[in-house]
Amino acid sequence: MLSLFAVSCDNNFEEVNKDPNQPTAVPAHLLLGNIIRVNQNTIYGMQQGGDMGMCWSQHVSKVQYNDEERYIPRRAAIDAIWTNLYTAVISDAKSMYSLADSEGNDNLKGISLVLQANAFQILTDLYGPVPYNEVFIPGLTKPRYDSQEVVYDGILGMLTQADALLANGSGSVPSTSDLIYGGNTSKWRKLANSLKLKALMRISGKRNVGAEVQALVNAGHLMSSNSDSAQLAYLPAQPDANPIYETIVYGVREEYKLSSVLVNKMSGLNDARLPVYASTNDAGLYVGNNPGEENPGNYDGFSSLGSFYLSPTLPGVILSNSQVQFLLAEAANEGLISGGTSAALNYYNNAITSSFEFNGIGGAAAAFIAQPNVTFTNQTDARVKIAEQSWVALFGQGFEAWTEWRRTRKPTLSPVINAAESAIPSRLYYSSTAISLNRENYLAAVATLTGGDNLTSPIWWMN
């Protein structure tokens, strides 16, 4: 009896004693939500995408505490972008890929590659050459910096691979973990291809990308409506609200006002989005602050952001259908895809309409588009208007607005008043941590930049 008892007690002993609340392997999908949140919180943070994105694209101007607007950014804010995207986005996305691979979940593997590609593009567009091929290799603590050409090749390769994995459609994506599309993998596939379009158009001044862009159009897996837009739905209260709200409203940082450059551009075109972008000043008028000018005694004399953009639930946009349509308009206008000026105009009208719809005033789009100063009939006019209207539509997406302006140089912007630099910045300084801990590779990267590790040193794809 004793021997039988001993055998029966040992049967399945390891299984019985596994604590279900202490798993030895994390399901891959549980990493997804935090990756998305960290990415969006980083680029929407007002000390990052606000001070260095919205201000440098001259969408927003600060009436006080405006060193950053005058091109004196805080190193800690710049360091946070580098650290967050590498350690909490790319690293976790790579871990999610490995876990998904062990689970046989191709959909999550594809989503991981989309998130990695997006983060790497943000990094290389902000800094220039960055570590890519040697990041997160066990035992390698000092990765080399890869040229932007190499990084972009990697980004395009990841997005191509992601499309193939998502087309296969195997593996579940729980809606509770997917804060972008609620588990809809066909939408993720559209995002993969639309991000590839964005990457190709960003380097179109340096490479002939026409065949690749036309192939994306022919394949038919690009965004085509606002329901395809990739955006994080923020919640009504901090710490899960949109960072713009958390800084300006909850943090009571009222120095952020609209820029006179944006207000004047929109007023001149009777743009119905202006009352959405901005509130009126104490005189009931839409008045922007001159970029770089301090007016600390006149906070109420300038237009603050509108209630829609100060809402805690303002979506955090990764990529919008509006931006995709503007990129297609540019591609058609430049002859990279078929259709010429007429196709460009159609894409352009769709882009503006999508922007109006996002801002809750879709019914006002038709009248705006019909204005002679908005529509176009030739390539030269189209080139200016596509870029300028894209700039307007990117309001709220600080880094993306600044990055697209750096690429197109439209509209014409001048350095702010009392600027600390002779030109609008072209990039960010490298992370101070990377400088101190990986100095040899840092210096090698800096040597490839015309002008060195400075704000005004141009990066590879800039025209």
Protein backbone atom coordinates (compact mmCIF):
# COMPACT_ATOMS: atom_id res chain seq x y z
CA MET A 1 0.00 0.00 0.00
CA LEU A 2 2.83 2.37 0.87
CA SER A 3 4.53 1.78 -2.48
CA LEU A 4 1.31 2.34 -4.39
CA PHE A 5 0.72 5.56 -2.43
CA ALA A 6 4.20 6.81 -3.29
CA VAL A 7 3.69 6.15 -6.98
CA SER A 8 0.27 7.78 -7.09
CA CYS A 9 1.53 10.90 -5.28
CA ASP A 10 4.31 11.38 -7.82
CA ASN A 11 1.99 11.01 -10.83
CA ASN A 12 1.81 14.33 -12.77
CA PHE A 13 3.55 16.05 -9.87
CA GLU A 14 5.13 18.73 -12.12
CA GLU A 15 1.85 19.52 -13.85
CA VAL A 16 -0.10 19.80 -10.59
CA ASN A 17 2.48 22.16 -9.12
CA LYS A 18 2.60 24.62 -12.04
CA ASP A 19 1.32 28.02 -10.92
CA PRO A 20 -1.09 29.30 -13.60
CA ASN A 21 -0.43 32.84 -12.39
CA GLN A 22 3.33 32.55 -12.97
CA PRO A 23 3.71 31.40 -16.58
CA THR A 24 7.17 30.45 -17.80
CA ALA A 25 6.40 31.72 -21.32
CA VAL A 26 4.43 34.89 -22.06
CA PRO A 27 1.91 34.60 -24.91
CA ALA A 28 3.15 36.74 -27.78
CA HIS A 29 0.01 38.85 -28.06
CA LEU A 30 0.40 40.19 -24.51
CA LEU A 31 3.36 42.30 -25.64
CA LEU A 32 1.42 43.98 -28.43
CA GLY A 33 -0.58 46.59 -26.51
CA ASN A 34 2.35 48.05 -24.64
CA ILE A 35 4.51 48.26 -27.77
CA ILE A 36 1.81 50.34 -29.46
CA ARG A 37 1.25 52.57 -26.43
CA VAL A 38 4.94 53.33 -25.83
CA ASN A 39 5.49 54.15 -29.51
CA GLN A 40 2.58 56.58 -29.66
CA ASN A 41 3.16 58.13 -26.25
CA THR A 42 6.76 58.81 -27.24
CA ILE A 43 6.05 60.60 -30.50
CA TYR A 44 2.95 62.41 -29.17
CA GLY A 45 4.66 63.59 -25.98
CA MET A 46 4.64 67.39 -25.96
CA GLN A 47 8.28 67.50 -24.84
CA GLN A 48 9.10 65.52 -27.99
CA GLY A 49 6.55 65.70 -30.82
CA GLY A 50 5.22 69.00 -29.49
CA ASP A 51 8.32 71.06 -28.72
CA MET A 52 10.42 69.64 -31.55
CA GLY A 53 7.73 68.58 -34.03
CA MET A 54 4.71 70.84 -33.87
CA CYS A 55 6.91 73.87 -33.14
CA TRP A 56 9.59 73.14 -35.75
CA SER A 57 6.94 72.54 -38.43
CA GLN A 58 5.44 75.89 -37.30
CA HIS A 59 2.02 74.50 -36.57
CA VAL A 60 2.35 75.59 -32.94
CA SER A 61 4.19 78.44 -31.25
CA LYS A 62 4.88 78.93 -27.53
CA VAL A 63 4.26 82.34 -26.00
CA GLN A 64 6.56 81.46 -23.10
CA TYR A 65 9.22 78.86 -22.21
CA ASN A 66 10.12 78.60 -25.86
CA ASP A 67 13.77 77.55 -25.91
CA GLU A 68 12.85 74.37 -27.79
CA GLU A 69 10.93 76.37 -30.38
CA ARG A 70 14.08 78.46 -30.87
CA TYR A 71 16.07 75.28 -31.56
CA ILE A 72 17.52 74.73 -28.07
CA PRO A 73 16.03 71.30 -27.33
CA ARG A 74 16.45 69.43 -24.07
CA ARG A 75 18.83 66.51 -24.31
CA ALA A 76 16.73 64.45 -21.89
CA ALA A 77 13.71 64.73 -24.20
CA ILE A 78 15.81 63.64 -27.17
CA ASP A 79 17.31 60.77 -25.17
CA ALA A 80 13.82 59.54 -24.24
CA ILE A 81 12.91 59.02 -27.90
CA TRP A 82 16.01 56.93 -28.56
CA THR A 83 15.64 54.90 -25.37
CA ASN A 84 11.90 54.26 -25.65
CA LEU A 85 11.93 53.21 -29.28
CA TYR A 86 14.90 50.89 -28.91
CA THR A 87 14.23 49.31 -25.52
CA ALA A 88 10.43 49.29 -25.26
CA VAL A 89 9.30 49.14 -28.90
CA ILE A 90 11.90 47.43 -31.10
CA SER A 91 13.24 45.11 -28.39
CA ASP A 92 9.77 44.01 -27.28
CA ALA A 93 8.61 43.67 -30.89
CA LYS A 94 11.56 41.39 -31.58
CA SER A 95 10.62 39.33 -28.50
CA MET A 96 7.03 39.19 -29.73
CA TYR A 97 8.28 37.89 -33.08
CA SER A 98 10.26 35.10 -31.40
CA LEU A 99 7.33 34.10 -29.19
CA ALA A 100 4.93 34.22 -32.13
CA ASP A 101 7.33 32.06 -34.15
CA SER A 102 7.34 29.42 -31.41
CA GLU A 103 3.53 29.56 -31.40
CA GLY A 104 3.31 29.27 -35.18
CA ASN A 105 1.46 32.62 -35.36
CA ASP A 106 2.34 34.25 -38.68
CA ASN A 107 -0.06 37.14 -38.14
CA LEU A 108 1.68 38.29 -34.98
CA LYS A 109 5.05 37.83 -36.65
CA GLY A 110 3.88 40.12 -39.43
CA ILE A 111 2.55 42.71 -36.98
CA SER A 112 5.87 42.61 -35.12
CA LEU A 113 7.73 43.43 -38.32
CA VAL A 114 5.35 46.31 -39.07
CA LEU A 115 5.97 47.82 -35.63
CA GLN A 116 9.74 47.36 -35.91
CA ALA A 117 9.84 48.92 -39.37
CA ASN A 118 7.79 51.89 -38.22
CA ALA A 119 10.04 52.47 -35.19
CA PHE A 120 13.23 52.17 -37.21
CA GLN A 121 11.91 54.67 -39.73
CA ILE A 122 11.09 57.15 -36.97
CA LEU A 123 14.59 56.75 -35.56
CA THR A 124 16.51 57.10 -38.82
CA ASP A 125 14.31 60.00 -39.96
CA LEU A 126 14.97 61.85 -36.70
CA TYR A 127 18.67 61.10 -36.20
CA GLY A 128 20.21 59.88 -39.49
CA PRO A 129 22.44 56.78 -39.37
CA VAL A 130 21.33 54.54 -36.48
CA PRO A 131 22.09 51.03 -35.19
CA TYR A 132 20.06 48.54 -37.20
CA ASN A 133 21.76 45.27 -38.15
CA GLU A 134 23.55 44.76 -34.84
CA VAL A 135 20.85 45.77 -32.34
CA PHE A 136 19.89 43.29 -29.61
CA ILE A 137 22.40 40.63 -30.59
CA PRO A 138 23.27 38.68 -27.41
CA GLY A 139 26.71 39.66 -26.15
CA LEU A 140 27.03 42.64 -28.51
CA THR A 141 26.71 45.80 -26.43
CA LYS A 142 28.18 48.31 -28.87
CA PRO A 143 26.33 48.04 -32.19
CA ARG A 144 27.61 49.87 -35.22
CA TYR A 145 25.51 52.58 -36.83
CA ASP A 146 24.19 51.72 -40.29
CA SER A 147 23.77 54.27 -43.05
CA GLN A 148 20.27 55.46 -43.83
CA GLU A 149 20.40 53.62 -47.13
CA VAL A 150 21.00 50.37 -45.27
CA VAL A 151 18.34 51.10 -42.69
CA TYR A 152 15.79 51.92 -45.39
CA ASP A 153 16.62 48.70 -47.22
CA GLY A 154 15.92 46.90 -43.96
CA ILE A 155 12.66 48.74 -43.40
CA LEU A 156 11.42 47.92 -46.90
CA GLY A 157 12.47 44.30 -46.48
CA MET A 158 10.61 43.96 -43.16
CA LEU A 159 7.44 45.43 -44.63
CA THR A 160 7.62 43.12 -47.65
CA GLN A 161 8.03 40.15 -45.32
CA ALA A 162 5.19 41.40 -43.11
CA ASP A 163 2.86 41.57 -46.11
CA ALA A 164 3.64 37.95 -46.99
CA LEU A 165 3.07 36.77 -43.41
CA LEU A 166 -0.20 38.68 -43.04
CA ALA A 167 -1.42 37.43 -46.40
CA ASN A 168 -1.03 33.87 -45.08
CA GLY A 169 -3.49 34.66 -42.32
CA SER A 170 -2.51 32.00 -39.77
CA GLY A 171 -2.67 32.65 -36.03
CA SER A 172 -5.06 34.63 -33.86
CA VAL A 173 -4.66 38.26 -32.78
CA PRO A 174 -6.88 38.83 -29.72
CA SER A 175 -8.84 42.07 -30.02
CA THR A 176 -8.05 42.95 -26.41
CA SER A 177 -4.33 43.14 -27.20
CA ASP A 178 -4.61 44.85 -30.59
CA LEU A 179 -5.20 48.52 -29.73
CA ILE A 180 -5.09 49.57 -33.37
CA TYR A 181 -7.32 47.25 -35.38
CA GLY A 182 -8.94 44.98 -32.81
CA GLY A 183 -7.48 41.83 -34.34
CA ASN A 184 -8.31 42.65 -37.99
CA THR A 185 -5.23 41.33 -39.80
CA SER A 186 -6.39 42.55 -43.22
CA LYS A 187 -6.10 46.10 -41.85
CA TRP A 188 -2.59 45.34 -40.59
CA ARG A 189 -1.71 44.17 -44.09
CA LYS A 190 -2.90 47.50 -45.48
CA LEU A 191 -0.80 49.29 -42.89
CA ALA A 192 2.28 47.27 -43.88
CA ASN A 193 1.88 48.20 -47.53
CA SER A 194 0.97 51.82 -46.79
CA LEU A 195 4.03 52.24 -44.58
CA LYS A 196 6.07 50.80 -47.43
CA LEU A 197 4.56 53.44 -49.72
CA LYS A 198 5.53 56.14 -47.23
CA ALA A 199 9.08 54.82 -46.97
CA LEU A 200 9.46 54.67 -50.75
CA MET A 201 8.15 58.19 -51.24
CA ARG A 202 10.45 59.50 -48.51
CA ILE A 203 13.50 58.30 -50.43
CA SER A 204 12.06 59.07 -53.87
CA GLY A 205 14.41 62.03 -54.23
CA LYS A 206 17.39 59.65 -53.98
CA ARG A 207 16.18 56.52 -55.76
CA ASN A 208 13.97 55.58 -58.68
CA VAL A 209 11.08 54.00 -56.79
CA GLY A 210 8.44 54.18 -59.53
CA ALA A 211 8.22 50.46 -60.25
CA GLU A 212 7.90 49.60 -56.56
CA VAL A 213 5.22 52.23 -55.92
CA GLN A 214 3.25 51.17 -59.00
CA ALA A 215 3.43 47.56 -57.82
CA LEU A 216 1.89 48.57 -54.49
CA VAL A 217 -0.94 50.37 -56.29
CA ASN A 218 -1.53 47.42 -58.61
CA ALA A 219 -1.64 44.94 -55.72
CA GLY A 220 -4.55 46.80 -54.15
CA HIS A 221 -3.59 46.46 -50.48
CA LEU A 222 -3.18 50.14 -49.57
CA MET A 223 -5.40 52.20 -47.30
CA SER A 224 -8.45 53.55 -49.11
CA SER A 225 -10.73 54.97 -46.39
CA ASN A 226 -10.49 56.41 -42.90
CA SER A 227 -11.54 53.06 -41.47
CA ASP A 228 -8.12 51.81 -42.61
CA SER A 229 -6.18 54.52 -40.72
CA ALA A 230 -3.85 53.18 -38.04
CA GLN A 231 -4.45 55.04 -34.80
CA LEU A 232 -4.44 54.36 -31.08
CA ALA A 233 -7.70 55.13 -29.33
CA TYR A 234 -6.75 56.93 -26.13
CA LEU A 235 -8.95 56.77 -23.02
CA PRO A 236 -10.80 59.62 -21.24
CA ALA A 237 -8.45 59.96 -18.27
CA GLN A 238 -4.73 60.08 -17.53
CA PRO A 239 -2.42 58.20 -17.60
CA ASP A 240 -4.14 56.63 -20.62
CA ALA A 241 -5.19 59.88 -22.31
CA ASN A 242 -3.57 61.49 -25.32
CA PRO A 243 -0.26 63.11 -24.24
CA ILE A 244 -1.29 66.45 -25.79
CA TYR A 245 -4.22 66.61 -23.37
CA GLU A 246 -2.13 65.37 -20.48
CA THR A 247 0.39 68.19 -20.92
CA ILE A 248 -1.73 71.16 -21.97
CA VAL A 249 -4.99 70.51 -20.11
CA TYR A 250 -4.22 68.19 -17.22
CA GLY A 251 -0.71 69.63 -16.78
CA VAL A 252 -1.98 73.21 -17.28
CA ARG A 253 0.72 74.17 -19.81
CA GLU A 254 -1.15 76.92 -21.60
CA GLU A 255 1.83 78.40 -23.41
CA TYR A 256 1.13 76.28 -26.50
CA LYS A 257 -0.71 78.39 -29.09
CA LEU A 258 -1.25 78.09 -32.82
CA SER A 259 1.42 79.54 -35.08
CA SER A 260 0.61 82.62 -37.12
CA VAL A 261 2.04 80.78 -40.15
CA LEU A 262 -0.62 78.06 -39.97
CA VAL A 263 -3.48 80.40 -39.01
CA ASN A 264 -2.68 82.76 -41.88
CA LYS A 265 -2.42 79.89 -44.38
CA MET A 266 -5.76 78.41 -43.35
CA SER A 267 -7.55 81.76 -43.06
CA GLY A 268 -6.43 82.70 -46.55
CA LEU A 269 -8.13 79.62 -47.96
CA ASN A 270 -11.31 79.83 -45.84
CA ASP A 271 -10.35 76.45 -44.41
CA ALA A 272 -13.22 75.06 -42.32
CA ARG A 273 -10.73 73.01 -40.29
CA LEU A 274 -9.39 76.15 -38.57
CA PRO A 275 -12.19 76.25 -35.93
CA VAL A 276 -11.38 72.60 -35.22
CA TYR A 277 -7.63 73.12 -35.01
CA ALA A 278 -7.92 76.30 -32.95
CA SER A 279 -10.04 78.18 -30.45
CA THR A 280 -10.60 81.92 -30.66
CA ASN A 281 -8.65 84.41 -28.55
CA ASP A 282 -10.16 86.76 -25.96
CA ALA A 283 -11.45 88.98 -28.78
CA GLY A 284 -13.21 86.10 -30.54
CA LEU A 285 -10.64 85.95 -33.34
CA TYR A 286 -8.26 83.31 -34.67
CA VAL A 287 -4.80 84.74 -34.00
CA GLY A 288 -1.54 82.83 -34.09
CA ASN A 289 1.69 83.72 -32.32
CA ASN A 290 4.69 84.61 -34.47
CA PRO A 291 7.07 81.62 -34.22
CA GLY A 292 9.78 82.26 -31.65
CA GLU A 293 8.23 85.44 -30.25
CA GLU A 294 7.64 85.57 -26.50
CA ASN A 295 4.39 87.09 -25.30
CA PRO A 296 4.12 85.90 -21.69
CA GLY A 297 1.78 88.72 -20.67
CA ASN A 298 -0.72 87.99 -23.41
CA TYR A 299 -1.67 84.31 -23.11
CA ASP A 300 -5.31 85.02 -23.97
CA GLY A 301 -4.48 87.10 -27.02
CA PHE A 302 -3.62 84.03 -29.11
CA SER A 303 -5.52 80.97 -30.23
CA SER A 304 -5.04 77.79 -28.25
CA LEU A 305 -5.51 74.37 -29.78
CA GLY A 306 -9.16 73.54 -30.43
CA SER A 307 -11.20 71.29 -28.14
CA PHE A 308 -10.92 68.34 -30.54
CA TYR A 309 -7.11 68.40 -30.31
CA LEU A 310 -7.21 68.92 -26.55
CA SER A 311 -9.53 65.98 -26.01
CA PRO A 312 -8.12 63.13 -23.90
CA THR A 313 -9.44 60.71 -26.53
CA LEU A 314 -7.78 62.36 -29.54
CA PRO A 315 -6.50 59.37 -31.56
CA GLY A 316 -2.76 58.83 -31.73
CA VAL A 317 -2.16 58.43 -35.47
CA ILE A 318 0.50 56.04 -36.76
CA LEU A 319 -0.51 56.51 -40.39
CA SER A 320 -3.71 58.00 -41.80
CA ASN A 321 -5.59 57.35 -45.00
CA SER A 322 -5.30 61.09 -45.68
CA GLN A 323 -1.50 60.92 -45.70
CA VAL A 324 -1.54 57.84 -47.92
CA GLN A 325 -3.75 59.63 -50.44
CA PHE A 326 -1.45 62.67 -50.46
CA LEU A 327 1.52 60.38 -51.12
CA LEU A 328 -0.35 58.76 -54.01
CA ALA A 329 -1.20 62.22 -55.36
CA GLU A 330 2.47 63.12 -55.30
CA ALA A 331 3.43 59.82 -56.94
CA ALA A 332 0.96 60.37 -59.76
CA ASN A 333 2.00 63.99 -60.23
CA GLU A 334 5.68 63.03 -60.42
CA GLY A 335 5.05 60.20 -62.89
CA LEU A 336 5.96 57.43 -60.45
CA ILE A 337 2.56 55.82 -61.02
CA SER A 338 0.14 56.04 -63.91
CA GLY A 339 -2.56 58.66 -64.29
CA GLY A 340 -0.72 61.96 -64.43
CA THR A 341 -2.25 65.21 -63.20
CA SER A 342 -5.85 63.99 -63.35
CA ALA A 343 -5.10 60.99 -61.14
CA ALA A 344 -3.07 63.23 -58.84
CA LEU A 345 -6.06 65.55 -58.45
CA ASN A 346 -8.34 62.64 -57.61
CA TYR A 347 -5.98 61.34 -54.92
CA TYR A 348 -5.49 64.91 -53.65
CA ASN A 349 -9.24 65.49 -53.32
CA ASN A 350 -9.60 62.17 -51.51
CA ALA A 351 -6.78 63.15 -49.14
CA ILE A 352 -8.37 66.48 -48.24
CA THR A 353 -11.79 64.88 -47.83
CA SER A 354 -10.31 62.25 -45.51
CA SER A 355 -8.71 64.99 -43.43
CA PHE A 356 -12.00 66.88 -43.17
CA GLU A 357 -13.77 63.67 -42.16
CA PHE A 358 -11.18 62.94 -39.46
CA ASN A 359 -11.83 66.42 -38.10
CA GLY A 360 -15.58 65.81 -38.03
CA ILE A 361 -16.53 68.20 -40.84
CA GLY A 362 -16.62 65.94 -43.90
CA GLY A 363 -19.52 67.89 -45.38
CA ALA A 364 -17.37 71.00 -45.77
CA ALA A 365 -14.73 69.30 -47.93
CA ALA A 366 -16.40 69.71 -51.32
CA ALA A 367 -16.66 73.51 -51.09
CA PHE A 368 -13.06 73.77 -49.94
CA ILE A 369 -11.74 71.57 -52.76
CA ALA A 370 -13.67 73.57 -55.37
CA GLN A 371 -11.81 76.79 -54.63
CA PRO A 372 -9.46 77.92 -57.44
CA ASN A 373 -6.68 78.47 -54.90
CA VAL A 374 -7.00 74.87 -53.72
CA THR A 375 -7.42 72.87 -56.91
CA PHE A 376 -4.78 72.55 -59.65
CA THR A 377 -4.46 71.89 -63.37
CA ASN A 378 -0.73 71.42 -63.98
CA GLN A 379 2.22 69.58 -62.46
CA THR A 380 4.05 72.63 -61.11
CA ASP A 381 1.01 73.99 -59.28
CA ALA A 382 0.13 70.52 -58.06
CA ARG A 383 3.59 69.97 -56.60
CA VAL A 384 3.17 72.99 -54.30
CA LYS A 385 -0.46 72.42 -53.34
CA ILE A 386 -0.11 68.71 -52.60
CA ALA A 387 2.79 69.37 -50.23
CA GLU A 388 1.16 72.36 -48.56
CA GLN A 389 -2.17 70.63 -48.00
CA SER A 390 -0.36 67.57 -46.67
CA TRP A 391 1.41 69.88 -44.20
CA VAL A 392 -1.93 71.33 -43.07
CA ALA A 393 -3.52 67.89 -42.72
CA LEU A 394 -0.67 66.61 -40.54
CA PHE A 395 -1.61 69.02 -37.76
CA GLY A 396 -1.30 67.26 -34.40
CA GLN A 397 1.28 64.79 -35.73
CA GLY A 398 4.30 66.88 -34.82
CA PHE A 399 7.24 64.75 -35.92
CA GLU A 400 5.53 63.59 -39.10
CA ALA A 401 4.65 67.16 -40.09
CA TRP A 402 8.23 68.32 -39.49
CA THR A 403 9.66 65.31 -41.32
CA GLU A 404 7.50 65.78 -44.40
CA TRP A 405 8.36 69.48 -44.41
CA ARG A 406 12.07 68.59 -44.32
CA ARG A 407 11.51 66.41 -47.37
CA THR A 408 9.37 68.74 -49.50
CA ARG A 409 10.39 72.15 -48.10
CA LYS A 410 6.80 73.28 -48.63
CA PRO A 411 5.33 75.57 -47.53
CA THR A 412 8.21 78.04 -47.40
CA LEU A 413 9.19 78.46 -43.76
CA SER A 414 11.84 80.71 -42.21
CA PRO A 415 13.74 80.20 -38.96
CA VAL A 416 11.84 81.47 -35.94
CA ILE A 417 12.46 84.81 -34.26
CA ASN A 418 15.61 84.82 -32.09
CA ALA A 419 16.56 81.37 -33.36
CA ALA A 420 19.66 79.73 -31.91
CA GLU A 421 20.46 78.20 -35.31
CA SER A 422 20.72 79.76 -38.76
CA ALA A 423 18.24 77.28 -40.23
CA ILE A 424 15.27 75.16 -39.18
CA PRO A 425 16.69 71.92 -37.72
CA SER A 426 17.20 68.96 -40.04
CA ARG A 427 17.67 66.30 -37.37
CA LEU A 428 18.05 65.63 -33.64
CA TYR A 429 21.25 65.25 -31.66
CA TYR A 430 22.24 61.67 -30.94
CA SER A 431 21.32 60.21 -27.56
CA SER A 432 23.81 61.24 -24.86
CA THR A 433 23.75 57.67 -23.53
CA ALA A 434 24.78 56.30 -26.91
CA ILE A 435 27.55 58.89 -27.11
CA SER A 436 29.05 57.84 -23.76
CA LEU A 437 28.55 54.06 -23.97
CA ASN A 438 29.20 53.45 -27.68
CA ARG A 439 31.55 56.29 -28.52
CA GLU A 440 33.62 54.65 -31.25
CA ASN A 441 30.59 53.76 -33.34
CA TYR A 442 29.00 57.11 -32.56
CA LEU A 443 32.03 58.96 -33.92
CA ALA A 444 32.03 56.81 -37.06
CA ALA A 445 28.40 57.73 -37.67
CA VAL A 446 28.99 61.43 -37.02
CA ALA A 447 31.81 61.41 -39.57
CA THR A 448 29.26 60.54 -42.27
CA LEU A 449 27.11 63.58 -41.49
CA THR A 450 27.88 66.82 -43.28
CA GLY A 451 28.26 69.18 -40.36
CA GLY A 452 28.58 66.49 -37.70
CA ASP A 453 26.23 65.83 -34.80
CA ASN A 454 24.38 69.12 -35.16
CA LEU A 455 20.73 70.04 -35.56
CA THR A 456 21.26 71.57 -39.01
CA SER A 457 23.24 68.69 -40.55
CA PRO A 458 21.16 67.31 -43.43
CA ILE A 459 20.21 63.67 -43.51
CA TRP A 460 20.42 61.41 -46.53
CA TRP A 461 16.99 61.71 -48.13
CA MET A 462 16.63 65.49 -47.78
CA ASN A 463 16.41 67.39 -51.05
